Amino acid sequence: MAGIPPLNSEVLSAVEKLAAKPEVRAAFTEAERDVDRAMREQIELCEIEAPTFHEENRARRVAELMRTYGLKDVVIDPIGNVVGRRPGRGNGPVLALGAHMDSVFPAGTDVKVRQEGRIYHAPGIGDNCSGLRALLQILRMYEDNHIETEGDLLFVGTVGEEGNGDIRGSKALFDGSRHIDGFIAIDSTDVGRILKGATGSHRWRICVDGTGGHSYADFGHVPSAIHAICRAGAKIADFKVPEDPKTTFTIGTIKGGTTVNSIAAHCEVEVDMRSVNNEALLQLEAAVLKAFDEAVDEENRCWNVVDEALKLKLTRTQIGNRPAGMRPDDCPVLQVSRAAQKCLGIELSKYICSSTDANAPMSLNIPSTCLCSGGRGMHAHSLTEYFEMVDTHLGPQLVFLASAALVGALGEKPVLPIRH
C-alpha cells in the first residue's frame, strides 16, 4: 500500500528470527493440520446463543475450553469477560489477546449451522465465532508446542462488543484493575487488514417533552416538541466537520407526536457522532448538544411561553460512548503485526480505522490493534451470514507469531515495552 512508512528493520529481523525457530514452525504446522478441529469448535460456539448482555452460556463454554487446553488461571470477571492467564517467565510485558463473544442477534434466533461444502451458514458464524476459534487455536499452539514466553499472555473472551454493548467488556479490561502493556483484538476475517486507529462514536437520545395541545385551539400558546427538534435538526444539518481527522454525524432516528391535528407533546431523536480523534469528537458532541438546548429555548420564546408548566423540557441520555484513538506507525504492535504478515506471505491490503474492542486501549495510548481470524466471512450482522473455510490457518498463525514476538519467546527479547 502506498504512503505507509517502511518496516523497522530491527523489528522485522526479530520476527523473522522467531518465525524460523523449529518450535514456531511446528506451531504453524499444527494450525494447518487442525483446521477441521478448529472449525468444529467454531460451529459449536456459534450454536450457543450469545446476544449482547446475555453471553453467559457461551462464556462458560469458552472458559471450559481454555482450561481444557492448559490454562489453570481462568476466571469469568464481574462484567462477564472470560480471562485466562498464561504466565511467562516474569521478565516481560503483559499482552492481552481478545475476541468478543457476543452476537447482534436476539435470543430465539435460529443459530443452527448449515454446511454446504466449505461454506457454513448461520447468524454469527463469522462475527465473531471465527475470532473465538482463532483465539482457542492460538492457545493450543502455545501449549502443544511448549512455547515459553518472557511476558504473560491473557486470553480473553469479551462481552458487549456489539451495538449497545458499547465495548463494555473491553472497557472493563482496561479500567486500571489489571496491568496490561498491549492488546490485539481478533475480529473479522481478512488477514490482510490491520487497524491503525479506532473510530470513536458518541450516541445520544434526546427527548423533548411538553403539554401538547389542539393544533387549532392551542396554536400560539403551546410550543411543539416536534418543532423544537426540527429547529435543532436544521442547525445540525449545516455543521461543517473536518475531513481529516474524519468526523461524521447523523440524526439516525426520530419519533413523536400522536395525530396530525395535535401540537406534539413529545419528540425524541437518536444522534450518532463519530471521529478517529477524541478532541474532534468532543467538540462536535458539545456543538450538537448545544444546538438542542438552543432549539428548545427558541421554540419556547417563539410562542412567548413564560409559564414554566407549559415550557418544553429537554432530557439527554447517552446511549453510546466508544472512545477514539490513533496509533503511530512506529507503534510496536503495528510494526510487529506488519512484520508477521510479511513472514507469512500475507499482503497488507487494509491499514485503516474501525470500531472494535481495540478502541478502549487505543484511547489510552496503549499499543494495540485488531487482527483477523482467517477464512472469509460474508453478510455479517444479517440472517444470511456465512463463513467460507479458506486459509483459516492464517489468522491463528498471524496472531500467534505477532504475540510471541511482542512478549518474547524461546529466548528472544520482547518487542513490546513494559508500561510504567
Protein backbone atom coordinates (compact mmCIF):
# COMPACT_ATOMS: atom_id res chain seq x y z
CA MET A 1 0.00 0.00 0.00
CA ALA A 2 1.23 3.50 -0.87
CA GLY A 3 2.09 6.05 1.79
CA ILE A 4 2.89 3.63 4.61
CA PRO A 5 6.29 4.11 6.27
CA PRO A 6 8.69 1.19 5.84
CA LEU A 7 9.01 -1.50 8.46
CA ASN A 8 11.61 -1.07 11.16
CA SER A 9 14.41 -3.38 10.05
CA GLU A 10 15.23 -4.43 13.61
CA VAL A 11 11.62 -5.42 14.29
CA LEU A 12 11.40 -7.34 11.02
CA SER A 13 14.66 -9.13 11.79
CA ALA A 14 13.42 -10.09 15.27
CA VAL A 15 10.16 -11.50 13.94
CA GLU A 16 11.93 -13.36 11.11
CA LYS A 17 14.33 -14.91 13.61
CA LEU A 18 11.45 -16.09 15.78
CA ALA A 19 9.47 -17.39 12.80
CA ALA A 20 12.42 -19.59 11.78
CA LYS A 21 12.62 -21.46 15.09
CA PRO A 22 11.60 -25.14 14.94
CA GLU A 23 9.02 -24.76 17.71
CA VAL A 24 7.31 -21.91 15.85
CA ARG A 25 7.37 -23.84 12.58
CA ALA A 26 5.76 -26.76 14.41
CA ALA A 27 3.06 -24.45 15.74
CA PHE A 28 2.39 -23.18 12.22
CA THR A 29 2.06 -26.78 11.04
CA GLU A 30 -0.37 -27.52 13.86
CA ALA A 31 -2.59 -24.61 12.76
CA GLU A 32 -2.74 -26.04 9.24
CA ARG A 33 -3.27 -29.61 10.44
CA ASP A 34 -6.08 -28.72 12.87
CA VAL A 35 -8.31 -26.60 10.66
CA ASP A 36 -11.14 -29.16 10.74
CA ARG A 37 -10.98 -29.46 14.52
CA ALA A 38 -10.95 -25.68 14.88
CA MET A 39 -13.91 -25.37 12.52
CA ARG A 40 -15.92 -27.82 14.59
CA GLU A 41 -15.24 -25.62 17.60
CA GLN A 42 -16.35 -22.53 15.68
CA ILE A 43 -19.61 -24.29 14.82
CA GLU A 44 -20.15 -25.46 18.40
CA LEU A 45 -19.72 -21.93 19.80
CA CYS A 46 -21.96 -20.42 17.12
CA GLU A 47 -24.78 -22.75 18.13
CA ILE A 48 -24.66 -21.42 21.71
CA GLU A 49 -26.81 -18.27 21.76
CA ALA A 50 -24.90 -15.20 22.93
CA PRO A 51 -26.88 -11.99 22.33
CA THR A 52 -25.27 -8.85 23.72
CA PHE A 53 -25.83 -8.70 27.53
CA HIS A 54 -26.54 -12.46 27.60
CA GLU A 55 -23.23 -14.11 26.73
CA GLU A 56 -23.05 -16.26 29.88
CA ASN A 57 -23.66 -19.68 28.29
CA ARG A 58 -21.05 -19.16 25.59
CA ALA A 59 -18.70 -17.69 28.19
CA ARG A 60 -18.92 -20.81 30.33
CA ARG A 61 -18.01 -22.98 27.35
CA VAL A 62 -15.10 -20.73 26.35
CA ALA A 63 -13.79 -20.86 29.94
CA GLU A 64 -14.12 -24.64 29.96
CA LEU A 65 -12.17 -24.95 26.70
CA MET A 66 -9.41 -22.64 27.95
CA ARG A 67 -8.97 -24.88 30.99
CA THR A 68 -9.04 -28.00 28.82
CA TYR A 69 -6.24 -26.55 26.68
CA GLY A 70 -3.97 -25.89 29.62
CA LEU A 71 -4.80 -22.61 31.33
CA LYS A 72 -5.08 -23.01 35.09
CA ASP A 73 -5.85 -19.36 35.90
CA VAL A 74 -9.21 -18.80 34.16
CA VAL A 75 -11.93 -16.56 35.59
CA ILE A 76 -15.20 -15.05 34.47
CA ASP A 77 -14.88 -11.50 35.77
CA PRO A 78 -17.74 -9.44 37.25
CA ILE A 79 -18.80 -7.99 33.89
CA GLY A 80 -18.76 -11.41 32.18
CA ASN A 81 -15.40 -11.49 30.38
CA VAL A 82 -13.56 -14.80 30.31
CA VAL A 83 -9.93 -14.11 31.21
CA GLY A 84 -7.28 -16.82 31.16
CA ARG A 85 -3.66 -16.07 32.07
CA ARG A 86 -0.75 -17.98 30.54
CA PRO A 87 2.20 -16.93 32.69
CA GLY A 88 5.60 -16.20 31.24
CA ARG A 89 8.96 -16.18 32.97
CA GLY A 90 8.10 -12.87 34.62
CA ASN A 91 10.64 -10.83 32.67
CA GLY A 92 8.40 -9.34 30.05
CA PRO A 93 5.27 -7.36 29.27
CA VAL A 94 1.66 -8.49 29.55
CA LEU A 95 -0.19 -8.84 26.24
CA ALA A 96 -3.93 -9.49 26.01
CA LEU A 97 -5.49 -11.31 23.05
CA GLY A 98 -9.24 -10.76 22.90
CA ALA A 99 -12.16 -11.99 20.81
CA HIS A 100 -15.68 -10.83 21.54
CA MET A 101 -18.25 -13.45 22.43
CA ASP A 102 -21.49 -11.57 21.77
CA SER A 103 -23.62 -11.52 18.66
CA VAL A 104 -26.05 -8.92 17.35
CA PHE A 105 -28.90 -11.43 17.11
CA PRO A 106 -31.62 -11.59 19.78
CA ALA A 107 -32.46 -14.65 21.84
CA GLY A 108 -34.51 -17.15 19.88
CA THR A 109 -32.66 -16.61 16.59
CA ASP A 110 -32.01 -19.87 14.78
CA VAL A 111 -28.22 -20.26 15.04
CA LYS A 112 -28.01 -23.85 13.83
CA VAL A 113 -25.12 -24.07 11.36
CA ARG A 114 -25.83 -25.40 7.88
CA GLN A 115 -22.89 -26.64 5.80
CA GLU A 116 -22.60 -26.55 2.01
CA GLY A 117 -19.15 -27.83 1.09
CA ARG A 118 -16.64 -25.45 2.66
CA ILE A 119 -19.29 -22.78 3.30
CA TYR A 120 -21.07 -22.59 6.66
CA HIS A 121 -24.31 -20.65 7.05
CA ALA A 122 -25.54 -19.25 10.39
CA PRO A 123 -26.03 -15.88 12.08
CA GLY A 124 -22.82 -15.10 13.94
CA ILE A 125 -20.73 -17.86 12.36
CA GLY A 126 -18.13 -15.33 11.20
CA ASP A 127 -18.68 -12.39 13.55
CA ASN A 128 -17.27 -13.39 15.90
CA CYS A 129 -17.21 -17.15 16.37
CA SER A 130 -14.37 -17.12 13.86
CA GLY A 131 -12.41 -14.89 16.23
CA LEU A 132 -13.09 -17.24 19.14
CA ARG A 133 -11.97 -20.19 17.01
CA ALA A 134 -8.69 -18.39 16.28
CA LEU A 135 -8.18 -17.43 19.94
CA LEU A 136 -8.51 -21.03 21.11
CA GLN A 137 -6.32 -22.34 18.30
CA ILE A 138 -3.57 -19.89 19.29
CA LEU A 139 -3.74 -21.15 22.87
CA ARG A 140 -3.30 -24.73 21.65
CA MET A 141 -0.35 -23.66 19.50
CA TYR A 142 1.42 -22.29 22.58
CA GLU A 143 0.58 -25.19 24.84
CA ASP A 144 1.05 -28.14 22.49
CA ASN A 145 4.45 -26.87 21.35
CA HIS A 146 5.63 -25.85 24.83
CA ILE A 147 6.36 -22.27 23.78
CA GLU A 148 7.83 -20.49 26.78
CA THR A 149 7.40 -16.72 26.82
CA GLU A 150 9.07 -13.92 28.76
CA GLY A 151 5.85 -11.97 29.37
CA ASP A 152 2.36 -13.13 30.29
CA LEU A 153 -0.39 -13.71 27.76
CA LEU A 154 -4.03 -13.06 28.62
CA PHE A 155 -6.56 -14.98 26.54
CA VAL A 156 -9.84 -13.06 26.74
CA GLY A 157 -13.39 -13.62 25.54
CA THR A 158 -15.04 -10.23 25.87
CA VAL A 159 -18.69 -9.29 26.33
CA GLY A 160 -20.64 -6.41 24.86
CA GLU A 161 -18.61 -5.51 21.80
CA GLU A 162 -21.64 -5.15 19.54
CA GLY A 163 -24.13 -2.27 19.36
CA ASN A 164 -25.41 -1.03 22.69
CA GLY A 165 -22.95 -3.31 24.44
CA ASP A 166 -20.67 -0.32 23.86
CA ILE A 167 -17.45 -2.40 24.16
CA ARG A 168 -18.20 -2.73 27.88
CA GLY A 169 -16.06 -5.86 28.19
CA SER A 170 -13.03 -4.16 26.69
CA LYS A 171 -13.59 -1.05 28.80
CA ALA A 172 -13.65 -3.22 31.93
CA LEU A 173 -10.47 -4.98 30.83
CA PHE A 174 -8.71 -1.61 30.69
CA ASP A 175 -10.30 0.05 33.72
CA GLY A 176 -6.97 0.07 35.56
CA SER A 177 -7.61 -3.03 37.66
CA ARG A 178 -5.16 -5.08 35.56
CA HIS A 179 -1.72 -4.23 34.27
CA ILE A 180 -1.75 -4.76 30.50
CA ASP A 181 1.02 -3.48 28.22
CA GLY A 182 -0.56 -4.25 24.85
CA PHE A 183 -3.65 -5.67 23.19
CA ILE A 184 -4.63 -7.47 20.00
CA ALA A 185 -8.32 -7.84 19.23
CA ILE A 186 -9.27 -10.72 16.92
CA ASP A 187 -12.28 -9.71 14.86
CA SER A 188 -13.36 -10.01 11.22
CA THR A 189 -11.66 -12.44 8.84
CA ASP A 190 -9.44 -10.60 6.31
CA VAL A 191 -5.86 -11.33 7.42
CA GLY A 192 -4.62 -8.54 5.14
CA ARG A 193 -6.24 -5.95 7.40
CA ILE A 194 -4.52 -4.17 10.28
CA LEU A 195 -6.25 -1.46 12.29
CA LYS A 196 -4.06 1.58 12.92
CA GLY A 197 -6.79 3.54 14.68
CA ALA A 198 -10.09 3.36 16.48
CA THR A 199 -13.16 5.15 15.21
CA GLY A 200 -14.86 6.60 18.27
CA SER A 201 -18.60 7.10 18.49
CA HIS A 202 -20.78 9.06 20.88
CA ARG A 203 -24.52 8.46 20.73
CA TRP A 204 -27.32 10.34 22.46
CA ARG A 205 -31.06 10.02 22.78
CA ILE A 206 -32.59 13.49 23.03
CA CYS A 207 -36.16 13.79 24.28
CA VAL A 208 -38.27 16.96 24.27
CA ASP A 209 -41.49 16.99 26.30
CA GLY A 210 -44.26 19.50 26.90
CA THR A 211 -48.02 19.65 27.43
CA GLY A 212 -49.08 19.43 23.80
CA GLY A 213 -52.48 20.62 22.66
CA HIS A 214 -55.01 21.10 19.88
CA SER A 215 -53.48 22.16 16.58
CA TYR A 216 -56.03 24.97 16.16
CA ALA A 217 -57.38 25.87 19.58
CA ASP A 218 -53.98 25.93 21.31
CA PHE A 219 -51.97 27.36 18.44
CA GLY A 220 -49.83 30.29 19.56
CA HIS A 221 -50.00 29.31 23.21
CA VAL A 222 -48.33 25.88 23.38
CA PRO A 223 -44.86 25.07 21.98
CA SER A 224 -44.34 21.96 19.88
CA ALA A 225 -41.84 19.27 20.81
CA ILE A 226 -41.54 18.28 17.15
CA HIS A 227 -40.90 21.85 16.04
CA ALA A 228 -38.12 22.15 18.63
CA ILE A 229 -36.45 19.01 17.33
CA CYS A 230 -36.81 20.30 13.76
CA ARG A 231 -35.13 23.57 14.75
CA ALA A 232 -32.21 21.60 16.18
CA GLY A 233 -32.01 19.39 13.10
CA ALA A 234 -31.82 22.43 10.82
CA LYS A 235 -28.89 23.79 12.82
CA ILE A 236 -27.04 20.49 12.91
CA ALA A 237 -27.56 19.82 9.20
CA ASP A 238 -25.42 22.88 8.42
CA PHE A 239 -22.50 21.87 10.65
CA LYS A 240 -19.12 21.66 8.96
CA VAL A 241 -16.82 18.95 10.30
CA PRO A 242 -13.20 18.13 9.44
CA GLU A 243 -12.36 15.68 6.69
CA ASP A 244 -9.08 14.93 8.45
CA PRO A 245 -9.49 13.58 11.05
CA LYS A 246 -12.65 12.17 9.50
CA THR A 247 -15.59 13.25 11.66
CA THR A 248 -19.26 12.49 10.99
CA PHE A 249 -22.73 12.97 12.43
CA THR A 250 -26.29 11.94 11.75
CA ILE A 251 -29.69 12.09 13.38
CA GLY A 252 -30.45 8.44 12.89
CA THR A 253 -33.98 8.12 14.28
CA ILE A 254 -36.86 10.46 15.03
CA LYS A 255 -40.28 9.76 16.53
CA GLY A 256 -43.01 11.71 18.26
CA GLY A 257 -46.46 13.22 18.09
CA THR A 258 -49.79 11.44 18.21
CA THR A 259 -52.07 12.78 15.46
CA VAL A 260 -51.86 15.16 12.54
CA ASN A 261 -54.09 17.70 14.29
CA SER A 262 -52.19 17.85 17.57
CA ILE A 263 -49.34 20.01 18.81
CA ALA A 264 -46.77 17.35 19.75
CA ALA A 265 -46.18 16.82 23.45
CA HIS A 266 -43.21 14.54 22.86
CA CYS A 267 -40.48 14.04 20.31
CA GLU A 268 -37.20 12.18 20.50
CA VAL A 269 -34.21 11.53 18.29
CA GLU A 270 -31.09 9.41 18.42
CA VAL A 271 -27.87 11.02 17.24
CA ASP A 272 -24.67 9.29 16.17
CA MET A 273 -21.32 11.15 16.07
CA ARG A 274 -18.01 9.60 15.04
CA SER A 275 -14.35 10.52 14.67
CA VAL A 276 -10.93 8.95 14.89
CA ASN A 277 -9.86 11.88 17.08
CA ASN A 278 -11.26 12.27 20.58
CA GLU A 279 -10.86 16.05 20.65
CA ALA A 280 -12.75 16.46 17.37
CA LEU A 281 -15.44 14.09 18.64
CA LEU A 282 -15.87 16.02 21.89
CA GLN A 283 -16.05 19.35 20.05
CA LEU A 284 -18.74 18.01 17.73
CA GLU A 285 -20.66 16.50 20.64
CA ALA A 286 -20.66 19.81 22.50
CA ALA A 287 -21.94 21.64 19.43
CA VAL A 288 -24.72 19.10 18.79
CA LEU A 289 -25.95 19.16 22.38
CA LYS A 290 -25.84 22.96 22.41
CA ALA A 291 -27.99 23.01 19.24
CA PHE A 292 -30.74 21.08 21.00
CA ASP A 293 -30.59 23.36 24.04
CA GLU A 294 -30.85 26.43 21.84
CA ALA A 295 -33.67 24.94 19.77
CA VAL A 296 -35.84 24.21 22.80
CA ASP A 297 -35.24 27.72 24.12
CA GLU A 298 -36.11 29.22 20.72
CA GLU A 299 -39.33 27.23 20.46
CA ASN A 300 -40.40 28.38 23.92
CA ARG A 301 -39.56 32.01 23.15
CA CYS A 302 -41.27 31.86 19.75
CA TRP A 303 -44.64 31.49 21.48
CA ASN A 304 -43.78 33.79 24.40
CA VAL A 305 -44.18 30.93 26.88
CA VAL A 306 -43.38 32.21 30.36
CA ASP A 307 -45.33 29.68 32.42
CA GLU A 308 -42.82 27.03 33.44
CA ALA A 309 -45.55 24.39 33.40
CA LEU A 310 -46.10 24.99 29.66
CA LYS A 311 -42.46 25.17 28.62
CA LEU A 312 -40.77 22.38 26.72
CA LYS A 313 -38.20 20.38 28.69
CA LEU A 314 -35.21 18.56 27.28
CA THR A 315 -33.77 15.26 28.50
CA ARG A 316 -30.45 13.81 27.35
CA THR A 317 -29.48 10.16 27.66
CA GLN A 318 -26.13 8.93 26.43
CA ILE A 319 -26.62 5.57 24.72
CA GLY A 320 -23.13 5.05 23.32
CA ASN A 321 -19.60 6.05 24.25
CA ARG A 322 -16.82 4.41 22.28
CA PRO A 323 -13.59 6.38 22.63
CA ALA A 324 -11.37 7.13 19.65
CA GLY A 325 -7.65 6.67 19.27
CA MET A 326 -4.82 6.53 16.75
CA ARG A 327 -1.58 4.61 16.92
CA PRO A 328 1.61 5.99 15.37
CA ASP A 329 3.13 3.95 12.56
CA ASP A 330 6.08 3.04 14.80
CA CYS A 331 3.77 1.53 17.45
CA PRO A 332 5.36 -1.83 18.34
CA VAL A 333 2.09 -3.72 17.93
CA LEU A 334 1.60 -2.31 14.42
CA GLN A 335 5.22 -2.91 13.45
CA VAL A 336 5.24 -6.48 14.72
CA SER A 337 1.86 -7.24 13.06
CA ARG A 338 3.15 -5.98 9.71
CA ALA A 339 6.37 -7.96 10.13
CA ALA A 340 4.39 -11.11 10.95
CA GLN A 341 2.31 -10.61 7.81
CA LYS A 342 5.49 -10.34 5.77
CA CYS A 343 6.95 -13.53 7.26
CA LEU A 344 3.75 -15.41 6.39
CA GLY A 345 3.49 -14.02 2.87
CA ILE A 346 0.35 -12.02 3.67
CA GLU A 347 -0.08 -8.77 1.77
CA LEU A 348 -1.12 -5.72 3.78
CA SER A 349 -4.32 -4.78 1.96
CA LYS A 350 -6.07 -2.54 4.50
CA TYR A 351 -4.39 -0.21 7.02
CA ILE A 352 -7.44 1.53 8.38
CA CYS A 353 -9.55 2.66 11.32
CA SER A 354 -12.64 0.91 12.62
CA SER A 355 -14.62 0.36 15.81
CA THR A 356 -13.62 -2.77 17.76
CA ASP A 357 -12.57 -3.87 21.23
CA ALA A 358 -9.26 -2.14 20.44
CA ASN A 359 -10.97 1.25 20.89
CA ALA A 360 -10.55 1.18 24.66
CA PRO A 361 -6.78 0.59 24.80
CA MET A 362 -6.11 2.82 21.80
CA SER A 363 -7.88 5.71 23.52
CA LEU A 364 -5.49 5.19 26.46
CA ASN A 365 -2.42 5.19 24.17
CA ILE A 366 -1.78 1.52 24.90
CA PRO A 367 -0.08 -0.27 21.98
CA SER A 368 -2.91 -2.16 20.31
CA THR A 369 -4.55 -3.20 17.08
CA CYS A 370 -7.12 -5.56 15.64
CA LEU A 371 -6.06 -8.51 13.50
CA CYS A 372 -8.30 -11.01 11.76
CA SER A 373 -9.12 -14.67 12.19
CA GLY A 374 -8.66 -16.05 8.67
CA GLY A 375 -11.29 -17.54 6.43
CA ARG A 376 -13.83 -15.44 4.60
CA GLY A 377 -16.83 -14.00 6.43
CA MET A 378 -19.73 -12.51 4.49
CA HIS A 379 -23.02 -10.74 5.31
CA ALA A 380 -22.10 -10.09 8.95
CA HIS A 381 -24.96 -8.83 11.15
CA SER A 382 -27.55 -10.41 8.87
CA LEU A 383 -29.54 -13.64 8.97
CA THR A 384 -27.83 -14.64 5.70
CA GLU A 385 -24.34 -14.51 7.25
CA TYR A 386 -21.94 -17.21 6.11
CA PHE A 387 -18.32 -18.23 6.56
CA GLU A 388 -16.11 -19.79 3.92
CA MET A 389 -13.44 -22.13 5.20
CA VAL A 390 -10.44 -20.97 3.16
CA ASP A 391 -6.97 -20.26 4.58
CA THR A 392 -8.42 -20.35 8.07
CA HIS A 393 -5.00 -21.27 9.46
CA LEU A 394 -3.53 -17.89 8.51
CA GLY A 395 -5.35 -15.96 11.23
CA PRO A 396 -4.04 -18.06 14.14
CA GLN A 397 -0.56 -18.16 12.59
CA LEU A 398 -0.50 -14.37 12.24
CA VAL A 399 -1.68 -13.56 15.75
CA PHE A 400 0.47 -16.31 17.27
CA LEU A 401 3.65 -15.01 15.63
CA ALA A 402 2.88 -11.38 16.45
CA SER A 403 2.05 -12.17 20.07
CA ALA A 404 5.16 -14.33 20.56
CA ALA A 405 7.40 -11.55 19.24
CA LEU A 406 5.70 -8.93 21.39
CA VAL A 407 6.04 -10.78 24.71
CA GLY A 408 9.31 -12.50 23.83
CA ALA A 409 9.52 -16.25 23.28
CA LEU A 410 12.03 -19.08 23.05
CA GLY A 411 14.83 -16.94 24.43
CA GLU A 412 14.12 -13.91 22.22
CA LYS A 413 13.61 -10.50 23.82
CA PRO A 414 10.14 -8.89 23.86
CA VAL A 415 9.48 -6.18 21.30
CA LEU A 416 6.64 -4.74 23.41
CA PRO A 417 7.86 -2.40 26.16
CA ILE A 418 6.52 -2.59 29.70
CA ARG A 419 4.33 0.39 30.53
CA HIS A 420 5.11 2.37 33.67
